[in-house]
């Protein structure tokens, strides 16, 4: 079993923003409009109290502008400015293609019966090396609705919590799809739809929102040093 945070805590969950880690991304992006969009988001990030970026903050940006919202979702999700292995250029490349991502997300929002698998794959094909841990955040903050339910963040921590059986009776299908071996992360795309479907079912049964369940799973396996808080 996991500890399910309140809806308020889910929206306040975030970590410390370090503007310096994004300077090289800004310099790297050559597309003028993408660079301007990134600059506007970084300027807004600089106004947050104690440099804390919350989900609520990212949602507020996404509601005003889809393109800037997906940029903010990446900054929120990768506070160190890079993914595993320290490769920061793949995030910068995603910023450079922010218009393409925004167009794809807007298309998904107009097509409510698209499966989560097809939707995720459509986003994943835009930039090589930018996968489901990133694109699921883009879809979540854009409030994309898939056939199985509303988009949810799906990353290594969420998968690891399910793999470890923290709530096995609720995520039996997803856990089976993930498998038990050390290469479980490679099953992220193929199990995304199952995760959303089972999270939706669980939230109806216990009376909460699906992203409360996702957040509980994430925090159960998040590295304490990453400093995720409800500030």
C-alpha atoms as a PDB file:
ATOM      1  CA  UNK A   1       0.000   0.000   0.000  1.00  0.00           C
ATOM      2  CA  UNK A   2       1.117   3.555  -0.645  1.00  0.00           C
ATOM      3  CA  UNK A   3       0.411   6.798   1.164  1.00  0.00           C
ATOM      4  CA  UNK A   4      -1.978   8.849  -0.973  1.00  0.00           C
ATOM      5  CA  UNK A   5      -1.348  12.615  -0.724  1.00  0.00           C
ATOM      6  CA  UNK A   6      -4.165  15.138  -0.696  1.00  0.00           C
ATOM      7  CA  UNK A   7      -5.159  16.885  -3.914  1.00  0.00           C
ATOM      8  CA  UNK A   8      -3.703  20.120  -2.563  1.00  0.00           C
ATOM      9  CA  UNK A   9      -0.371  18.423  -1.879  1.00  0.00           C
ATOM     10  CA  UNK A  10      -0.319  16.967  -5.403  1.00  0.00           C
ATOM     11  CA  UNK A  11      -0.638  20.441  -6.891  1.00  0.00           C
ATOM     12  CA  UNK A  12       2.045  21.864  -4.592  1.00  0.00           C
ATOM     13  CA  UNK A  13       4.551  19.066  -5.195  1.00  0.00           C
ATOM     14  CA  UNK A  14       7.771  20.353  -6.702  1.00  0.00           C
ATOM     15  CA  UNK A  15      11.438  20.903  -6.153  1.00  0.00           C
ATOM     16  CA  UNK A  16      13.993  23.697  -6.200  1.00  0.00           C
ATOM     17  CA  UNK A  17      14.618  25.410  -9.511  1.00  0.00           C
ATOM     18  CA  UNK A  18      18.232  26.257 -10.351  1.00  0.00           C
ATOM     19  CA  UNK A  19      18.223  28.793 -13.212  1.00  0.00           C
ATOM     20  CA  UNK A  20      21.922  28.268 -13.941  1.00  0.00           C
ATOM     21  CA  UNK A  21      21.422  24.693 -15.152  1.00  0.00           C
ATOM     22  CA  UNK A  22      19.150  25.991 -17.921  1.00  0.00           C
ATOM     23  CA  UNK A  23      21.456  28.706 -19.253  1.00  0.00           C
ATOM     24  CA  UNK A  24      23.272  26.284 -21.555  1.00  0.00           C
ATOM     25  CA  UNK A  25      19.939  25.005 -22.881  1.00  0.00           C
ATOM     26  CA  UNK A  26      18.872  28.530 -23.730  1.00  0.00           C
ATOM     27  CA  UNK A  27      22.142  29.242 -25.532  1.00  0.00           C
ATOM     28  CA  UNK A  28      21.965  25.940 -27.399  1.00  0.00           C
ATOM     29  CA  UNK A  29      18.474  26.423 -28.846  1.00  0.00           C
ATOM     30  CA  UNK A  30      18.787  28.193 -32.192  1.00  0.00           C
ATOM     31  CA  UNK A  31      15.151  28.315 -33.321  1.00  0.00           C
ATOM     32  CA  UNK A  32      14.066  31.879 -32.615  1.00  0.00           C
ATOM     33  CA  UNK A  33      10.485  31.211 -31.536  1.00  0.00           C
ATOM     34  CA  UNK A  34      11.446  28.231 -29.389  1.00  0.00           C
ATOM     35  CA  UNK A  35      14.190  30.251 -27.770  1.00  0.00           C
ATOM     36  CA  UNK A  36      11.751  33.064 -27.019  1.00  0.00           C
ATOM     37  CA  UNK A  37       9.241  30.644 -25.510  1.00  0.00           C
ATOM     38  CA  UNK A  38      11.945  29.073 -23.349  1.00  0.00           C
ATOM     39  CA  UNK A  39      13.097  32.534 -22.273  1.00  0.00           C
ATOM     40  CA  UNK A  40       9.592  33.503 -21.182  1.00  0.00           C
ATOM     41  CA  UNK A  41       9.206  30.327 -19.140  1.00  0.00           C
ATOM     42  CA  UNK A  42      12.587  30.773 -17.469  1.00  0.00           C
ATOM     43  CA  UNK A  43      11.674  34.366 -16.627  1.00  0.00           C
ATOM     44  CA  UNK A  44       8.498  33.156 -14.929  1.00  0.00           C
ATOM     45  CA  UNK A  45      10.396  30.430 -13.085  1.00  0.00           C
ATOM     46  CA  UNK A  46      12.687  33.114 -11.673  1.00  0.00           C
ATOM     47  CA  UNK A  47       9.700  34.753  -9.956  1.00  0.00           C
ATOM     48  CA  UNK A  48       8.730  31.748  -7.826  1.00  0.00           C
ATOM     49  CA  UNK A  49       9.085  31.904  -4.048  1.00  0.00           C
ATOM     50  CA  UNK A  50      12.292  30.269  -2.831  1.00  0.00           C
ATOM     51  CA  UNK A  51      12.849  28.986  -6.395  1.00  0.00           C
ATOM     52  CA  UNK A  52      10.222  26.280  -5.792  1.00  0.00           C
ATOM     53  CA  UNK A  53       8.462  24.983  -8.901  1.00  0.00           C
ATOM     54  CA  UNK A  54       5.156  23.289  -8.114  1.00  0.00           C
ATOM     55  CA  UNK A  55       2.743  21.357 -10.300  1.00  0.00           C
ATOM     56  CA  UNK A  56       0.271  24.185  -9.752  1.00  0.00           C
ATOM     57  CA  UNK A  57       2.793  26.594 -11.282  1.00  0.00           C
ATOM     58  CA  UNK A  58       3.249  24.423 -14.381  1.00  0.00           C
ATOM     59  CA  UNK A  59      -0.508  23.975 -14.794  1.00  0.00           C
ATOM     60  CA  UNK A  60      -0.954  27.751 -14.695  1.00  0.00           C
ATOM     61  CA  UNK A  61       1.526  28.188 -17.554  1.00  0.00           C
ATOM     62  CA  UNK A  62       0.016  25.348 -19.592  1.00  0.00           C
ATOM     63  CA  UNK A  63      -3.475  26.825 -19.273  1.00  0.00           C
ATOM     64  CA  UNK A  64      -2.242  30.042 -20.889  1.00  0.00           C
ATOM     65  CA  UNK A  65      -0.009  28.531 -23.576  1.00  0.00           C
ATOM     66  CA  UNK A  66       0.400  24.869 -24.537  1.00  0.00           C
ATOM     67  CA  UNK A  67       3.885  25.394 -25.933  1.00  0.00           C
ATOM     68  CA  UNK A  68       5.195  27.146 -22.849  1.00  0.00           C
ATOM     69  CA  UNK A  69       3.414  24.637 -20.642  1.00  0.00           C
ATOM     70  CA  UNK A  70       5.273  21.686 -22.126  1.00  0.00           C
ATOM     71  CA  UNK A  71       8.562  23.553 -21.713  1.00  0.00           C
ATOM     72  CA  UNK A  72       7.692  24.214 -18.071  1.00  0.00           C
ATOM     73  CA  UNK A  73       6.812  20.548 -17.579  1.00  0.00           C
ATOM     74  CA  UNK A  74      10.326  19.527 -18.638  1.00  0.00           C
ATOM     75  CA  UNK A  75      11.946  22.089 -16.341  1.00  0.00           C
ATOM     76  CA  UNK A  76       9.740  20.905 -13.481  1.00  0.00           C
ATOM     77  CA  UNK A  77      10.491  17.243 -14.117  1.00  0.00           C
ATOM     78  CA  UNK A  78      14.252  17.495 -14.555  1.00  0.00           C
ATOM     79  CA  UNK A  79      15.534  19.950 -11.903  1.00  0.00           C
ATOM     80  CA  UNK A  80      19.163  19.053 -12.647  1.00  0.00           C
ATOM     81  CA  UNK A  81      18.736  20.096 -16.268  1.00  0.00           C
ATOM     82  CA  UNK A  82      19.427  16.644 -17.665  1.00  0.00           C
ATOM     83  CA  UNK A  83      18.154  13.104 -17.638  1.00  0.00           C
ATOM     84  CA  UNK A  84      19.985   9.896 -16.680  1.00  0.00           C
ATOM     85  CA  UNK A  85      23.622  10.000 -17.699  1.00  0.00           C
ATOM     86  CA  UNK A  86      23.753  13.786 -17.652  1.00  0.00           C
ATOM     87  CA  UNK A  87      22.745  14.195 -21.295  1.00  0.00           C
ATOM     88  CA  UNK A  88      21.262  17.704 -21.306  1.00  0.00           C
ATOM     89  CA  UNK A  89      21.186  18.223 -25.061  1.00  0.00           C
ATOM     90  CA  UNK A  90      18.225  15.895 -25.558  1.00  0.00           C
ATOM     91  CA  UNK A  91      16.163  18.242 -23.365  1.00  0.00           C
ATOM     92  CA  UNK A  92      17.464  21.243 -25.277  1.00  0.00           C
ATOM     93  CA  UNK A  93      16.492  19.479 -28.500  1.00  0.00           C
ATOM     94  CA  UNK A  94      12.986  19.002 -27.083  1.00  0.00           C
ATOM     95  CA  UNK A  95      12.798  22.738 -26.360  1.00  0.00           C
ATOM     96  CA  UNK A  96      13.888  23.433 -29.929  1.00  0.00           C
ATOM     97  CA  UNK A  97      10.957  21.356 -31.191  1.00  0.00           C
ATOM     98  CA  UNK A  98       8.448  22.847 -28.773  1.00  0.00           C
ATOM     99  CA  UNK A  99       6.143  23.924 -31.600  1.00  0.00           C
ATOM    100  CA  UNK A 100       5.981  20.374 -32.927  1.00  0.00           C
ATOM    101  CA  UNK A 101       5.209  19.027 -29.458  1.00  0.00           C
ATOM    102  CA  UNK A 102       2.548  21.695 -28.934  1.00  0.00           C
ATOM    103  CA  UNK A 103       0.888  20.882 -32.267  1.00  0.00           C
ATOM    104  CA  UNK A 104       0.867  17.163 -31.413  1.00  0.00           C
ATOM    105  CA  UNK A 105      -0.621  17.796 -27.973  1.00  0.00           C
ATOM    106  CA  UNK A 106      -3.311  20.080 -29.364  1.00  0.00           C
ATOM    107  CA  UNK A 107      -4.177  17.375 -31.896  1.00  0.00           C
ATOM    108  CA  UNK A 108      -4.499  14.824 -29.075  1.00  0.00           C
ATOM    109  CA  UNK A 109      -6.772  17.161 -27.140  1.00  0.00           C
ATOM    110  CA  UNK A 110      -9.100  17.342 -30.142  1.00  0.00           C
ATOM    111  CA  UNK A 111      -9.227  13.532 -30.445  1.00  0.00           C
ATOM    112  CA  UNK A 112     -10.663  12.188 -27.152  1.00  0.00           C
ATOM    113  CA  UNK A 113     -10.737   8.527 -28.191  1.00  0.00           C
ATOM    114  CA  UNK A 114      -7.031   8.101 -28.927  1.00  0.00           C
ATOM    115  CA  UNK A 115      -5.440   5.328 -26.870  1.00  0.00           C
ATOM    116  CA  UNK A 116      -2.735   6.284 -24.397  1.00  0.00           C
ATOM    117  CA  UNK A 117      -0.299   4.044 -26.256  1.00  0.00           C
ATOM    118  CA  UNK A 118      -0.913   5.752 -29.608  1.00  0.00           C
ATOM    119  CA  UNK A 119      -0.833   9.193 -28.017  1.00  0.00           C
ATOM    120  CA  UNK A 120       2.427   8.569 -26.213  1.00  0.00           C
ATOM    121  CA  UNK A 121       4.029   7.116 -29.335  1.00  0.00           C
ATOM    122  CA  UNK A 122       3.025  10.180 -31.352  1.00  0.00           C
ATOM    123  CA  UNK A 123       4.878  12.396 -28.885  1.00  0.00           C
ATOM    124  CA  UNK A 124       7.868  10.079 -28.532  1.00  0.00           C
ATOM    125  CA  UNK A 125       8.604  10.117 -32.260  1.00  0.00           C
ATOM    126  CA  UNK A 126       9.159  13.891 -32.383  1.00  0.00           C
ATOM    127  CA  UNK A 127      12.648  13.890 -30.879  1.00  0.00           C
ATOM    128  CA  UNK A 128      14.937  10.886 -30.630  1.00  0.00           C
ATOM    129  CA  UNK A 129      16.065  10.305 -27.055  1.00  0.00           C
ATOM    130  CA  UNK A 130      13.101  12.082 -25.483  1.00  0.00           C
ATOM    131  CA  UNK A 131      10.906   9.300 -24.179  1.00  0.00           C
ATOM    132  CA  UNK A 132       7.842   8.551 -22.106  1.00  0.00           C
ATOM    133  CA  UNK A 133       9.139   9.931 -18.793  1.00  0.00           C
ATOM    134  CA  UNK A 134       9.250  13.335 -20.491  1.00  0.00           C
ATOM    135  CA  UNK A 135       6.316  13.140 -22.887  1.00  0.00           C
ATOM    136  CA  UNK A 136       3.925  11.781 -20.254  1.00  0.00           C
ATOM    137  CA  UNK A 137       4.648  14.929 -18.240  1.00  0.00           C
ATOM    138  CA  UNK A 138       3.837  17.085 -21.260  1.00  0.00           C
ATOM    139  CA  UNK A 139       0.520  15.280 -21.746  1.00  0.00           C
ATOM    140  CA  UNK A 140      -0.344  15.386 -18.040  1.00  0.00           C
ATOM    141  CA  UNK A 141       0.151  19.112 -17.618  1.00  0.00           C
ATOM    142  CA  UNK A 142      -1.746  19.746 -20.851  1.00  0.00           C
ATOM    143  CA  UNK A 143      -4.719  17.790 -19.431  1.00  0.00           C
ATOM    144  CA  UNK A 144      -4.854  15.382 -22.356  1.00  0.00           C
ATOM    145  CA  UNK A 145      -7.682  12.836 -22.156  1.00  0.00           C
ATOM    146  CA  UNK A 146      -6.954   9.390 -23.550  1.00  0.00           C
ATOM    147  CA  UNK A 147      -9.319   6.517 -24.168  1.00  0.00           C
ATOM    148  CA  UNK A 148      -8.229   4.946 -20.870  1.00  0.00           C
ATOM    149  CA  UNK A 149      -8.435   8.166 -18.860  1.00  0.00           C
ATOM    150  CA  UNK A 150      -6.615  11.405 -18.217  1.00  0.00           C
ATOM    151  CA  UNK A 151      -2.884  11.467 -18.960  1.00  0.00           C
ATOM    152  CA  UNK A 152      -0.674  10.756 -15.964  1.00  0.00           C
ATOM    153  CA  UNK A 153       3.028  11.153 -15.325  1.00  0.00           C
ATOM    154  CA  UNK A 154       4.783   7.827 -15.782  1.00  0.00           C
ATOM    155  CA  UNK A 155       8.466   7.627 -14.951  1.00  0.00           C
ATOM    156  CA  UNK A 156      11.022   5.277 -13.462  1.00  0.00           C
ATOM    157  CA  UNK A 157       9.951   5.896  -9.867  1.00  0.00           C
ATOM    158  CA  UNK A 158       6.297   5.126 -10.597  1.00  0.00           C
ATOM    159  CA  UNK A 159       7.266   1.994 -12.520  1.00  0.00           C
ATOM    160  CA  UNK A 160       9.645   0.854  -9.790  1.00  0.00           C
ATOM    161  CA  UNK A 161       6.962   1.243  -7.113  1.00  0.00           C
ATOM    162  CA  UNK A 162       4.572  -0.889  -9.181  1.00  0.00           C
ATOM    163  CA  UNK A 163       7.279  -3.429 -10.015  1.00  0.00           C
ATOM    164  CA  UNK A 164       8.072  -3.772  -6.305  1.00  0.00           C
ATOM    165  CA  UNK A 165       4.434  -4.593  -5.628  1.00  0.00           C
ATOM    166  CA  UNK A 166       3.642  -1.634  -3.360  1.00  0.00           C
ATOM    167  CA  UNK A 167       0.025  -1.831  -4.504  1.00  0.00           C
ATOM    168  CA  UNK A 168      -0.018  -5.112  -6.353  1.00  0.00           C
ATOM    169  CA  UNK A 169      -3.746  -5.757  -6.043  1.00  0.00           C
ATOM    170  CA  UNK A 170      -4.533  -2.465  -7.850  1.00  0.00           C
ATOM    171  CA  UNK A 171      -1.862  -2.654 -10.572  1.00  0.00           C
ATOM    172  CA  UNK A 172      -1.653  -6.336 -11.321  1.00  0.00           C
ATOM    173  CA  UNK A 173      -1.907  -5.916 -15.101  1.00  0.00           C
ATOM    174  CA  UNK A 174       0.659  -3.119 -15.235  1.00  0.00           C
ATOM    175  CA  UNK A 175       3.024  -5.021 -12.965  1.00  0.00           C
ATOM    176  CA  UNK A 176       2.743  -8.100 -15.149  1.00  0.00           C
ATOM    177  CA  UNK A 177       3.548  -6.002 -18.222  1.00  0.00           C
ATOM    178  CA  UNK A 178       6.545  -4.360 -16.552  1.00  0.00           C
ATOM    179  CA  UNK A 179       8.052  -7.674 -15.518  1.00  0.00           C
ATOM    180  CA  UNK A 180      10.470  -8.450 -12.737  1.00  0.00           C
ATOM    181  CA  UNK A 181      13.867  -8.203 -14.422  1.00  0.00           C
ATOM    182  CA  UNK A 182      16.334  -5.330 -14.365  1.00  0.00           C
ATOM    183  CA  UNK A 183      15.270  -4.101 -17.808  1.00  0.00           C
ATOM    184  CA  UNK A 184      11.783  -3.097 -16.640  1.00  0.00           C
ATOM    185  CA  UNK A 185      12.201   0.512 -17.797  1.00  0.00           C
ATOM    186  CA  UNK A 186      12.058  -0.617 -21.420  1.00  0.00           C
ATOM    187  CA  UNK A 187       8.412  -1.571 -20.801  1.00  0.00           C
ATOM    188  CA  UNK A 188       7.353   2.004 -20.080  1.00  0.00           C
ATOM    189  CA  UNK A 189       5.611   2.748 -23.359  1.00  0.00           C
ATOM    190  CA  UNK A 190       3.842  -0.607 -23.623  1.00  0.00           C
ATOM    191  CA  UNK A 191       2.438  -0.398 -20.056  1.00  0.00           C
ATOM    192  CA  UNK A 192       1.382   3.263 -20.053  1.00  0.00           C
ATOM    193  CA  UNK A 193      -2.218   2.615 -21.090  1.00  0.00           C
ATOM    194  CA  UNK A 194      -2.574  -0.163 -18.518  1.00  0.00           C
ATOM    195  CA  UNK A 195      -1.228   2.146 -15.816  1.00  0.00           C
ATOM    196  CA  UNK A 196      -3.760   4.866 -16.620  1.00  0.00           C
ATOM    197  CA  UNK A 197      -6.631   2.389 -16.821  1.00  0.00           C
ATOM    198  CA  UNK A 198      -5.783   0.750 -13.493  1.00  0.00           C
ATOM    199  CA  UNK A 199      -5.138   4.104 -11.783  1.00  0.00           C
ATOM    200  CA  UNK A 200      -8.552   5.334 -12.958  1.00  0.00           C
ATOM    201  CA  UNK A 201     -10.230   2.209 -11.609  1.00  0.00           C
ATOM    202  CA  UNK A 202      -8.407   2.489  -8.277  1.00  0.00           C
ATOM    203  CA  UNK A 203      -9.288   6.160  -7.806  1.00  0.00           C
ATOM    204  CA  UNK A 204     -12.985   5.453  -8.378  1.00  0.00           C
ATOM    205  CA  UNK A 205     -12.912   2.662  -5.828  1.00  0.00           C
ATOM    206  CA  UNK A 206     -11.189   4.606  -3.064  1.00  0.00           C
ATOM    207  CA  UNK A 207     -12.512   8.086  -3.827  1.00  0.00           C
ATOM    208  CA  UNK A 208      -9.622  10.240  -5.025  1.00  0.00           C
ATOM    209  CA  UNK A 209      -8.083  11.512  -8.260  1.00  0.00           C
ATOM    210  CA  UNK A 210      -5.770   9.357 -10.355  1.00  0.00           C
ATOM    211  CA  UNK A 211      -2.868  11.779 -10.039  1.00  0.00           C
ATOM    212  CA  UNK A 212      -3.015  11.426  -6.256  1.00  0.00           C
ATOM    213  CA  UNK A 213      -2.306   7.743  -6.744  1.00  0.00           C
ATOM    214  CA  UNK A 214       0.445   8.469  -9.263  1.00  0.00           C
ATOM    215  CA  UNK A 215       2.057  10.951  -6.856  1.00  0.00           C
ATOM    216  CA  UNK A 216       1.945   8.436  -4.018  1.00  0.00           C
ATOM    217  CA  UNK A 217       3.674   5.844  -6.173  1.00  0.00           C
ATOM    218  CA  UNK A 218       6.273   8.383  -7.304  1.00  0.00           C
ATOM    219  CA  UNK A 219       7.123   9.537  -3.777  1.00  0.00           C
ATOM    220  CA  UNK A 220       7.395   5.969  -2.538  1.00  0.00           C
ATOM    221  CA  UNK A 221      10.486   5.492  -4.688  1.00  0.00           C
ATOM    222  CA  UNK A 222      11.779   9.051  -5.200  1.00  0.00           C
ATOM    223  CA  UNK A 223      15.354   9.714  -4.136  1.00  0.00           C
ATOM    224  CA  UNK A 224      15.330  11.707  -0.885  1.00  0.00           C
ATOM    225  CA  UNK A 225      18.219  13.808  -2.212  1.00  0.00           C
ATOM    226  CA  UNK A 226      16.026  15.103  -5.047  1.00  0.00           C
ATOM    227  CA  UNK A 227      14.239  17.280  -2.493  1.00  0.00           C
ATOM    228  CA  UNK A 228      10.656  16.866  -3.743  1.00  0.00           C
ATOM    229  CA  UNK A 229       8.419  18.720  -1.296  1.00  0.00           C
ATOM    230  CA  UNK A 230       4.888  20.090  -0.981  1.00  0.00           C
ATOM    231  CA  UNK A 231       6.057  23.676  -0.453  1.00  0.00           C
END
